[in-house]
């Protein structure tokens, strides 16, 4: 069941399959993350990203090739995402596939997301990852896999099979870059402020070759059912917490919207939380404080951008809240994180 900062268990499972294809036993790498697979896991079951990074860390020790995470994406098919992937495959255009699947991204990962920015000059896909150290080999491998997986999905879905004009990565260049350039069709730029894939304008309008409106609507409904089950059996406070974690990317954080999402009135939500010894604002503040520190520690986002991601309508309100949470201004905290 998805929780704070997680990814589908289908991902480390497919990475293990990719290692086997290269003649490497992935057992040690999986056990580094506390995992062991006898059969393919359900895509909606998740693993904490710290364990996921541990799998990559050990895997890169077994296969010390910086291009391996990119090769692993060739093993990962959209079908491995199950209903989430089938929904993307049955949409009409790449833009529709992004919009539909973004609604249900908690089925794939929690705490990270892709965002699309389009203008007359280009279409940019920006990856806002989970917090992590870009110097850590496991984290770098996971980020390389994420970028390559998205690029491969776009190429497989669209009839035109587009490739990115630029690939921008936040971590430093590895000793060998030829494999990365060969996979992407362009040498990535390293040490960038954000993880980005840059395409020509009009990418979102490209048609998907497997478009089927009836299947699209069916898988949309199936995704909705799965998402509605997330958190079932948890306390109301736990359900609120999980949904707020998924909204820490500019999503809706208002209590009225949360009550509607949980299928109850605002008053009922307040009463249920009170029965559990808490209130909505306390849970929201806890999640916001946690993610504010994570986002600021990355050093790639401004305080105003973090305010937006956390659901603050005005940056000054975020600055005041952050001072209350930590005793520091966002700038002081960010400078301290950078120094550390």
Protein backbone atom coordinates (compact mmCIF):
# COMPACT_ATOMS: atom_id res chain seq x y z
CA UNK A 1 0.00 0.00 0.00
CA UNK A 2 1.53 3.36 -1.02
CA UNK A 3 2.93 5.54 1.77
CA UNK A 4 5.32 8.51 2.03
CA UNK A 5 7.84 8.67 -0.86
CA UNK A 6 7.35 5.31 -2.52
CA UNK A 7 7.51 3.66 -5.95
CA UNK A 8 5.72 0.67 -7.42
CA UNK A 9 7.33 -2.68 -6.65
CA UNK A 10 7.09 -3.38 -10.38
CA UNK A 11 10.13 -1.13 -10.89
CA UNK A 12 12.76 -2.97 -8.79
CA UNK A 13 11.30 -6.24 -10.10
CA UNK A 14 11.92 -5.19 -13.70
CA UNK A 15 15.38 -3.90 -12.79
CA UNK A 16 16.11 -7.38 -11.42
CA UNK A 17 14.93 -8.91 -14.70
CA UNK A 18 17.24 -6.56 -16.61
CA UNK A 19 20.18 -7.66 -14.45
CA UNK A 20 19.41 -11.33 -15.17
CA UNK A 21 19.39 -10.57 -18.90
CA UNK A 22 22.96 -9.30 -18.45
CA UNK A 23 24.00 -12.49 -16.66
CA UNK A 24 24.00 -11.01 -13.14
CA UNK A 25 22.18 -12.56 -10.17
CA UNK A 26 20.16 -9.65 -8.67
CA UNK A 27 19.45 -11.40 -5.36
CA UNK A 28 22.04 -9.43 -3.38
CA UNK A 29 20.82 -6.12 -4.80
CA UNK A 30 17.19 -6.90 -3.98
CA UNK A 31 18.09 -8.00 -0.46
CA UNK A 32 19.93 -4.70 0.05
CA UNK A 33 16.47 -3.12 -0.17
CA UNK A 34 14.81 -5.86 1.87
CA UNK A 35 13.17 -7.36 -1.24
CA UNK A 36 12.88 -10.84 -2.66
CA UNK A 37 10.58 -11.80 -5.52
CA UNK A 38 9.21 -15.25 -6.25
CA UNK A 39 6.78 -13.83 -8.79
CA UNK A 40 5.90 -10.49 -10.36
CA UNK A 41 4.43 -8.17 -7.67
CA UNK A 42 1.23 -6.22 -8.07
CA UNK A 43 1.97 -2.82 -9.61
CA UNK A 44 -0.09 -1.04 -6.95
CA UNK A 45 2.11 -2.45 -4.16
CA UNK A 46 4.92 -0.05 -3.28
CA UNK A 47 8.35 0.10 -1.68
CA UNK A 48 9.88 3.00 0.24
CA UNK A 49 12.29 4.95 -1.98
CA UNK A 50 15.17 4.63 0.50
CA UNK A 51 14.98 0.86 -0.02
CA UNK A 52 14.60 1.42 -3.75
CA UNK A 53 17.78 3.53 -3.78
CA UNK A 54 19.54 0.80 -1.80
CA UNK A 55 18.65 -1.71 -4.53
CA UNK A 56 20.15 0.58 -7.16
CA UNK A 57 23.23 1.23 -5.02
CA UNK A 58 23.98 -2.48 -4.78
CA UNK A 59 22.99 -3.10 -8.40
CA UNK A 60 25.50 -0.52 -9.64
CA UNK A 61 28.19 -2.27 -7.61
CA UNK A 62 27.31 -5.51 -9.42
CA UNK A 63 27.02 -3.83 -12.84
CA UNK A 64 29.35 -0.79 -12.73
CA UNK A 65 28.14 0.63 -16.02
CA UNK A 66 26.40 4.05 -15.88
CA UNK A 67 24.32 3.05 -18.92
CA UNK A 68 22.76 0.03 -17.18
CA UNK A 69 19.80 2.00 -15.70
CA UNK A 70 18.96 3.14 -19.24
CA UNK A 71 19.19 -0.38 -20.64
CA UNK A 72 16.89 -1.57 -17.85
CA UNK A 73 14.11 0.62 -19.23
CA UNK A 74 14.04 -1.50 -22.39
CA UNK A 75 12.84 -4.40 -20.22
CA UNK A 76 10.20 -2.21 -18.57
CA UNK A 77 7.06 -2.23 -20.71
CA UNK A 78 4.04 0.00 -20.20
CA UNK A 79 2.07 -3.18 -19.52
CA UNK A 80 4.17 -3.67 -16.37
CA UNK A 81 2.30 -0.69 -14.92
CA UNK A 82 -0.88 -2.75 -15.36
CA UNK A 83 -4.06 -0.61 -15.46
CA UNK A 84 -2.01 2.59 -15.09
CA UNK A 85 0.01 1.69 -18.19
CA UNK A 86 -2.99 0.41 -20.11
CA UNK A 87 -4.71 3.74 -19.52
CA UNK A 88 -1.79 5.61 -21.11
CA UNK A 89 -1.71 3.21 -24.06
CA UNK A 90 -5.41 3.69 -24.84
CA UNK A 91 -5.41 7.52 -24.78
CA UNK A 92 -5.73 9.57 -27.97
CA UNK A 93 -2.67 11.84 -27.65
CA UNK A 94 0.44 12.11 -25.52
CA UNK A 95 -1.08 15.14 -23.80
CA UNK A 96 -4.20 13.21 -22.89
CA UNK A 97 -2.11 10.29 -21.65
CA UNK A 98 -0.16 12.64 -19.37
CA UNK A 99 -3.29 14.34 -18.02
CA UNK A 100 -5.15 11.10 -17.36
CA UNK A 101 -2.27 9.24 -15.71
CA UNK A 102 -1.21 12.29 -13.64
CA UNK A 103 -4.55 11.97 -11.85
CA UNK A 104 -3.58 8.50 -10.71
CA UNK A 105 0.19 8.84 -10.29
CA UNK A 106 -0.10 7.57 -6.70
CA UNK A 107 -0.51 4.15 -8.31
CA UNK A 108 3.05 4.47 -9.65
CA UNK A 109 4.88 6.67 -7.17
CA UNK A 110 4.30 9.01 -4.25
CA UNK A 111 6.44 12.07 -3.50
CA UNK A 112 7.78 12.59 -7.04
CA UNK A 113 6.18 13.66 -10.30
CA UNK A 114 6.58 14.69 -13.93
CA UNK A 115 5.32 18.09 -15.05
CA UNK A 116 4.78 19.27 -18.65
CA UNK A 117 5.55 22.84 -19.75
CA UNK A 118 4.75 23.78 -23.36
CA UNK A 119 5.33 26.99 -25.31
CA UNK A 120 6.11 28.01 -28.88
CA UNK A 121 9.78 27.11 -28.50
CA UNK A 122 9.67 23.66 -26.89
CA UNK A 123 7.87 21.10 -24.77
CA UNK A 124 9.70 20.46 -21.50
CA UNK A 125 9.04 17.50 -19.23
CA UNK A 126 10.41 18.28 -15.77
CA UNK A 127 11.00 15.53 -13.22
CA UNK A 128 10.61 16.64 -9.60
CA UNK A 129 12.15 13.66 -7.80
CA UNK A 130 12.10 12.43 -4.24
CA UNK A 131 14.66 14.06 -1.94
CA UNK A 132 18.09 12.51 -2.19
CA UNK A 133 21.81 13.07 -2.57
CA UNK A 134 22.84 13.54 -6.22
CA UNK A 135 26.32 12.29 -5.23
CA UNK A 136 24.89 8.92 -4.18
CA UNK A 137 25.33 6.28 -6.90
CA UNK A 138 21.98 4.67 -6.07
CA UNK A 139 20.10 7.94 -6.28
CA UNK A 140 21.82 8.86 -9.56
CA UNK A 141 20.93 5.50 -11.08
CA UNK A 142 17.29 5.89 -10.03
CA UNK A 143 17.16 9.34 -11.62
CA UNK A 144 18.78 8.10 -14.84
CA UNK A 145 16.20 5.30 -14.95
CA UNK A 146 13.32 7.75 -14.41
CA UNK A 147 14.43 10.04 -17.24
CA UNK A 148 15.08 7.17 -19.64
CA UNK A 149 11.82 5.45 -18.73
CA UNK A 150 9.79 8.55 -19.57
CA UNK A 151 11.67 9.10 -22.84
CA UNK A 152 11.13 5.44 -23.79
CA UNK A 153 7.42 5.62 -22.93
CA UNK A 154 6.99 8.66 -25.18
CA UNK A 155 8.82 6.96 -28.02
CA UNK A 156 6.77 3.78 -27.68
CA UNK A 157 3.40 5.50 -27.37
CA UNK A 158 3.60 8.05 -30.15
CA UNK A 159 3.34 7.05 -33.79
CA UNK A 160 6.21 9.41 -34.63
CA UNK A 161 8.56 7.83 -32.07
CA UNK A 162 10.02 11.20 -30.97
CA UNK A 163 13.36 11.51 -29.22
CA UNK A 164 14.36 14.40 -26.96
CA UNK A 165 16.34 17.33 -28.31
CA UNK A 166 18.03 17.73 -24.92
CA UNK A 167 18.34 15.63 -21.77
CA UNK A 168 19.23 17.62 -18.67
CA UNK A 169 20.35 15.85 -15.51
CA UNK A 170 21.01 17.39 -12.10
CA UNK A 171 23.84 15.06 -11.12
CA UNK A 172 27.44 15.16 -12.29
CA UNK A 173 28.62 13.34 -15.40
CA UNK A 174 29.86 9.77 -14.91
CA UNK A 175 33.28 8.73 -16.11
CA UNK A 176 31.73 7.18 -19.22
CA UNK A 177 28.93 8.95 -21.08
CA UNK A 178 28.89 7.19 -24.45
CA UNK A 179 26.20 4.71 -23.37
CA UNK A 180 23.91 7.50 -22.19
CA UNK A 181 24.37 9.44 -25.44
CA UNK A 182 23.70 6.32 -27.52
CA UNK A 183 20.50 5.54 -25.63
CA UNK A 184 19.02 9.04 -25.72
CA UNK A 185 20.32 9.95 -29.16
CA UNK A 186 21.90 13.05 -27.64
CA UNK A 187 24.61 13.58 -25.01
CA UNK A 188 22.90 14.62 -21.77
CA UNK A 189 23.83 17.86 -20.05
CA UNK A 190 24.94 17.29 -16.47
CA UNK A 191 24.86 19.45 -13.32
CA UNK A 192 21.65 21.17 -14.43
CA UNK A 193 19.21 22.83 -11.99
CA UNK A 194 16.44 20.35 -12.89
CA UNK A 195 15.91 16.96 -14.47
CA UNK A 196 14.36 17.72 -17.86
CA UNK A 197 13.54 16.19 -21.23
CA UNK A 198 13.23 18.84 -23.94
CA UNK A 199 11.21 18.11 -27.10
CA UNK A 200 10.07 20.19 -30.06
CA UNK A 201 6.81 22.12 -29.58
CA UNK A 202 3.60 20.19 -30.20
CA UNK A 203 4.70 16.99 -28.45
CA UNK A 204 1.48 16.70 -26.45
CA UNK A 205 -0.62 16.73 -29.65
CA UNK A 206 1.10 13.66 -31.11
CA UNK A 207 -1.34 10.75 -31.58
CA UNK A 208 -0.93 7.43 -29.79
CA UNK A 209 -0.96 4.44 -32.12
CA UNK A 210 -2.94 2.20 -29.73
CA UNK A 211 -5.75 4.72 -29.06
CA UNK A 212 -9.06 3.13 -28.07
CA UNK A 213 -11.65 5.36 -26.42
CA UNK A 214 -13.64 2.47 -24.90
CA UNK A 215 -10.55 0.92 -23.34
CA UNK A 216 -9.38 4.36 -22.19
CA UNK A 217 -12.63 4.95 -20.30
CA UNK A 218 -12.56 1.44 -18.88
CA UNK A 219 -9.00 1.70 -17.56
CA UNK A 220 -9.71 5.21 -16.27
CA UNK A 221 -12.50 3.75 -14.14
CA UNK A 222 -10.27 0.89 -13.00
CA UNK A 223 -7.54 3.33 -11.95
CA UNK A 224 -10.12 5.34 -10.04
CA UNK A 225 -11.21 2.21 -8.18
CA UNK A 226 -7.63 1.36 -7.22
CA UNK A 227 -6.89 4.89 -6.01
CA UNK A 228 -10.07 4.91 -3.92
CA UNK A 229 -8.82 1.79 -2.13
CA UNK A 230 -5.50 3.37 -1.13
CA UNK A 231 -5.51 3.81 2.59
CA UNK A 232 -8.60 1.65 3.09
CA UNK A 233 -8.55 0.30 6.65
CA UNK A 234 -6.26 3.09 7.89
CA UNK A 235 -7.33 5.67 10.41
CA UNK A 236 -8.81 8.83 8.93
CA UNK A 237 -5.68 10.77 9.95
CA UNK A 238 -3.50 8.24 8.07
CA UNK A 239 -5.72 8.48 4.98
CA UNK A 240 -5.53 12.29 5.11
CA UNK A 241 -1.77 12.15 5.54
CA UNK A 242 -1.26 9.87 2.53
CA UNK A 243 -3.44 12.02 0.30
CA UNK A 244 -1.69 15.20 1.41
CA UNK A 245 1.70 13.66 0.64
CA UNK A 246 0.45 13.06 -2.89
CA UNK A 247 -0.66 16.71 -3.10
CA UNK A 248 2.70 18.23 -2.13
CA UNK A 249 3.38 19.14 -5.73
CA UNK A 250 0.96 21.97 -6.26
CA UNK A 251 -2.12 19.80 -5.68
CA UNK A 252 -5.28 20.64 -3.78
CA UNK A 253 -4.83 20.78 0.02
CA UNK A 254 -8.09 22.45 1.14
CA UNK A 255 -10.03 20.55 3.81
CA UNK A 256 -13.24 20.77 1.77
CA UNK A 257 -11.55 19.05 -1.19
CA UNK A 258 -10.04 16.41 1.13
CA UNK A 259 -13.44 15.65 2.68
CA UNK A 260 -14.95 15.21 -0.78
CA UNK A 261 -12.04 12.97 -1.78
CA UNK A 262 -12.71 10.78 1.26
CA UNK A 263 -16.45 10.68 0.57
CA UNK A 264 -17.59 12.58 3.66
CA UNK A 265 -18.68 16.07 4.65
CA UNK A 266 -16.24 18.64 6.01
CA UNK A 267 -17.93 18.48 9.39
CA UNK A 268 -17.67 14.67 9.46
CA UNK A 269 -13.97 14.88 8.62
CA UNK A 270 -13.38 17.37 11.43
CA UNK A 271 -15.26 15.14 13.88
CA UNK A 272 -13.45 11.95 12.84
CA UNK A 273 -10.04 13.62 13.18
CA UNK A 274 -11.00 15.05 16.57
CA UNK A 275 -11.98 11.54 17.70
CA UNK A 276 -8.44 10.46 16.77
CA UNK A 277 -6.91 13.30 18.78
CA UNK A 278 -5.87 15.59 15.96
CA UNK A 279 -7.20 18.17 13.51
CA UNK A 280 -6.83 18.84 9.80
CA UNK A 281 -4.55 21.87 10.16
CA UNK A 282 -2.16 19.93 12.40
CA UNK A 283 -1.84 17.09 9.87
CA UNK A 284 -1.43 19.56 7.00
CA UNK A 285 1.23 21.56 8.86
CA UNK A 286 3.17 18.38 9.67
CA UNK A 287 3.26 17.30 6.01
CA UNK A 288 4.06 20.79 4.76
CA UNK A 289 6.94 21.19 7.21
CA UNK A 290 8.38 17.82 6.22
CA UNK A 291 8.23 18.51 2.49
CA UNK A 292 9.35 22.13 2.80
CA UNK A 293 12.63 20.98 4.33
CA UNK A 294 13.05 18.27 1.70
CA UNK A 295 12.41 20.62 -1.23
CA UNK A 296 14.62 23.40 0.13
CA UNK A 297 17.46 21.00 0.93
CA UNK A 298 17.67 20.05 -2.75
CA UNK A 299 18.87 23.57 -3.56
CA UNK A 300 17.16 23.51 -6.98
CA UNK A 301 13.90 25.25 -6.03
CA UNK A 302 13.33 28.80 -4.80
CA UNK A 303 11.34 29.42 -1.63
CA UNK A 304 8.49 30.83 -3.74
CA UNK A 305 8.40 27.66 -5.84
CA UNK A 306 8.30 25.55 -2.68
CA UNK A 307 5.44 27.69 -1.36
CA UNK A 308 3.44 26.92 -4.50
CA UNK A 309 4.16 23.19 -4.33
CA UNK A 310 2.96 23.05 -0.72
CA UNK A 311 -0.32 24.80 -1.54
CA UNK A 312 0.35 28.29 -0.16
CA UNK A 313 -1.40 30.99 -2.20
CA UNK A 314 1.16 33.66 -1.19
CA UNK A 315 4.90 33.18 -0.47
CA UNK A 316 4.87 35.44 2.65
CA UNK A 317 2.42 33.04 4.33
CA UNK A 318 4.86 30.19 3.66
CA UNK A 319 7.84 32.21 4.98
CA UNK A 320 5.96 32.91 8.21
CA UNK A 321 4.92 29.28 8.62
CA UNK A 322 8.43 27.98 7.92
CA UNK A 323 9.86 30.31 10.56
CA UNK A 324 7.33 28.91 13.01
CA UNK A 325 8.21 25.31 12.11
CA UNK A 326 12.00 25.59 12.18
CA UNK A 327 12.99 28.88 13.79
CA UNK A 328 14.72 29.82 10.52
CA UNK A 329 13.78 31.58 7.33
CA UNK A 330 13.74 29.42 4.16
CA UNK A 331 16.90 31.18 2.99
CA UNK A 332 18.72 30.47 6.28
CA UNK A 333 17.66 26.82 6.15
CA UNK A 334 18.72 26.46 2.51
CA UNK A 335 22.13 28.04 3.17
CA UNK A 336 22.60 25.73 6.15
CA UNK A 337 21.68 22.67 4.08
CA UNK A 338 24.09 23.71 1.35
CA UNK A 339 26.89 24.23 3.87
CA UNK A 340 26.16 20.86 5.42
